[in-house]
Amino acid sequence: MLGLEAINASKNLSLNEADRKMFYFQGAKYTEGAFRLNQKNASTANTLFSILLQKGDVKRVCSLALV
């Protein structure tokens, strides 16, 4: 939940660019940690896959999807 909160905060256009990046990277870190704890959580997996696809890491998404 903290990861989603931070990612959503990064979309706030009233924040400066540095703060938006910080929120996005923090949210990605929290989401990756949550996925490591429970790889069967569909919401966490979906969020992590979305982050990885935005980064262009299709290979990692495909390998994680097969777990």
C-alpha atoms as a PDB file:
ATOM      1  CA  MET A   1       0.000   0.000   0.000  1.00  0.00           C
ATOM      2  CA  LEU A   2       2.854   2.403   0.744  1.00  0.00           C
ATOM      3  CA  GLY A   3       4.301   1.711  -2.689  1.00  0.00           C
ATOM      4  CA  LEU A   4       1.037   2.586  -4.412  1.00  0.00           C
ATOM      5  CA  GLU A   5       0.656   5.696  -2.274  1.00  0.00           C
ATOM      6  CA  ALA A   6       4.118   6.924  -3.236  1.00  0.00           C
ATOM      7  CA  ILE A   7       3.611   6.139  -6.932  1.00  0.00           C
ATOM      8  CA  ASN A   8       0.299   7.989  -6.912  1.00  0.00           C
ATOM      9  CA  ALA A   9       1.950  10.941  -5.147  1.00  0.00           C
ATOM     10  CA  SER A  10       4.508  11.070  -7.959  1.00  0.00           C
ATOM     11  CA  LYS A  11       1.689  11.929 -10.367  1.00  0.00           C
ATOM     12  CA  ASN A  12       0.862  15.144  -8.478  1.00  0.00           C
ATOM     13  CA  LEU A  13       1.755  17.923 -10.917  1.00  0.00           C
ATOM     14  CA  SER A  14       1.899  20.529  -8.149  1.00  0.00           C
ATOM     15  CA  LEU A  15       5.126  18.917  -6.858  1.00  0.00           C
ATOM     16  CA  ASN A  16       8.476  19.777  -8.372  1.00  0.00           C
ATOM     17  CA  GLU A  17      10.216  17.245 -10.632  1.00  0.00           C
ATOM     18  CA  ALA A  18      12.744  16.140  -7.991  1.00  0.00           C
ATOM     19  CA  ASP A  19      10.010  15.327  -5.464  1.00  0.00           C
ATOM     20  CA  ARG A  20       7.975  13.469  -8.068  1.00  0.00           C
ATOM     21  CA  LYS A  21      10.984  11.316  -8.997  1.00  0.00           C
ATOM     22  CA  MET A  22      11.722  10.650  -5.344  1.00  0.00           C
ATOM     23  CA  PHE A  23       8.145   9.483  -4.714  1.00  0.00           C
ATOM     24  CA  TYR A  24       8.191   7.280  -7.823  1.00  0.00           C
ATOM     25  CA  PHE A  25      11.485   5.568  -6.948  1.00  0.00           C
ATOM     26  CA  GLN A  26      10.431   5.145  -3.327  1.00  0.00           C
ATOM     27  CA  GLY A  27       7.147   3.588  -4.453  1.00  0.00           C
ATOM     28  CA  ALA A  28       8.960   1.241  -6.830  1.00  0.00           C
ATOM     29  CA  LYS A  29      11.285   0.174  -3.993  1.00  0.00           C
ATOM     30  CA  TYR A  30       8.383  -0.537  -1.636  1.00  0.00           C
ATOM     31  CA  THR A  31       6.540  -2.454  -4.341  1.00  0.00           C
ATOM     32  CA  GLU A  32       9.567  -4.624  -5.139  1.00  0.00           C
ATOM     33  CA  GLY A  33      10.010  -5.371  -1.441  1.00  0.00           C
ATOM     34  CA  ALA A  34       6.362  -6.342  -1.050  1.00  0.00           C
ATOM     35  CA  PHE A  35       6.611  -8.607  -4.093  1.00  0.00           C
ATOM     36  CA  ARG A  36       9.671 -10.349  -2.620  1.00  0.00           C
ATOM     37  CA  LEU A  37       7.691 -11.063   0.554  1.00  0.00           C
ATOM     38  CA  ASN A  38       4.643 -12.455  -1.252  1.00  0.00           C
ATOM     39  CA  GLN A  39       4.939 -13.300  -4.933  1.00  0.00           C
ATOM     40  CA  LYS A  40       1.355 -14.559  -5.065  1.00  0.00           C
ATOM     41  CA  ASN A  41      -0.248 -11.159  -4.357  1.00  0.00           C
ATOM     42  CA  ALA A  42      -1.860 -10.162  -7.662  1.00  0.00           C
ATOM     43  CA  SER A  43      -2.068  -6.456  -6.852  1.00  0.00           C
ATOM     44  CA  THR A  44       1.610  -6.207  -5.976  1.00  0.00           C
ATOM     45  CA  ALA A  45       2.614  -8.262  -9.013  1.00  0.00           C
ATOM     46  CA  ASN A  46       0.515  -6.083 -11.312  1.00  0.00           C
ATOM     47  CA  THR A  47       2.025  -2.887  -9.925  1.00  0.00           C
ATOM     48  CA  LEU A  48       5.569  -4.239 -10.148  1.00  0.00           C
ATOM     49  CA  PHE A  49       5.029  -5.444 -13.716  1.00  0.00           C
ATOM     50  CA  SER A  50       3.680  -2.021 -14.664  1.00  0.00           C
ATOM     51  CA  ILE A  51       6.779  -0.337 -13.191  1.00  0.00           C
ATOM     52  CA  LEU A  52       9.110  -2.741 -14.978  1.00  0.00           C
ATOM     53  CA  LEU A  53       7.305  -2.315 -18.284  1.00  0.00           C
ATOM     54  CA  GLN A  54       7.600   1.463 -17.991  1.00  0.00           C
ATOM     55  CA  LYS A  55      11.341   0.952 -17.511  1.00  0.00           C
ATOM     56  CA  GLY A  56      11.389  -1.251 -20.621  1.00  0.00           C
ATOM     57  CA  ASP A  57      12.441  -4.375 -18.710  1.00  0.00           C
ATOM     58  CA  VAL A  58      10.261  -6.821 -20.662  1.00  0.00           C
ATOM     59  CA  LYS A  59      12.661  -9.734 -20.117  1.00  0.00           C
ATOM     60  CA  ARG A  60      12.357  -9.458 -16.322  1.00  0.00           C
ATOM     61  CA  VAL A  61       8.560  -9.160 -16.522  1.00  0.00           C
ATOM     62  CA  CYS A  62       8.365 -12.345 -18.586  1.00  0.00           C
ATOM     63  CA  SER A  63      10.636 -14.268 -16.225  1.00  0.00           C
ATOM     64  CA  LEU A  64       8.664 -13.122 -13.150  1.00  0.00           C
ATOM     65  CA  ALA A  65       5.353 -13.935 -14.806  1.00  0.00           C
ATOM     66  CA  LEU A  66       6.433 -17.548 -15.137  1.00  0.00           C
ATOM     67  CA  VAL A  67       7.209 -17.911 -11.408  1.00  0.00           C
END
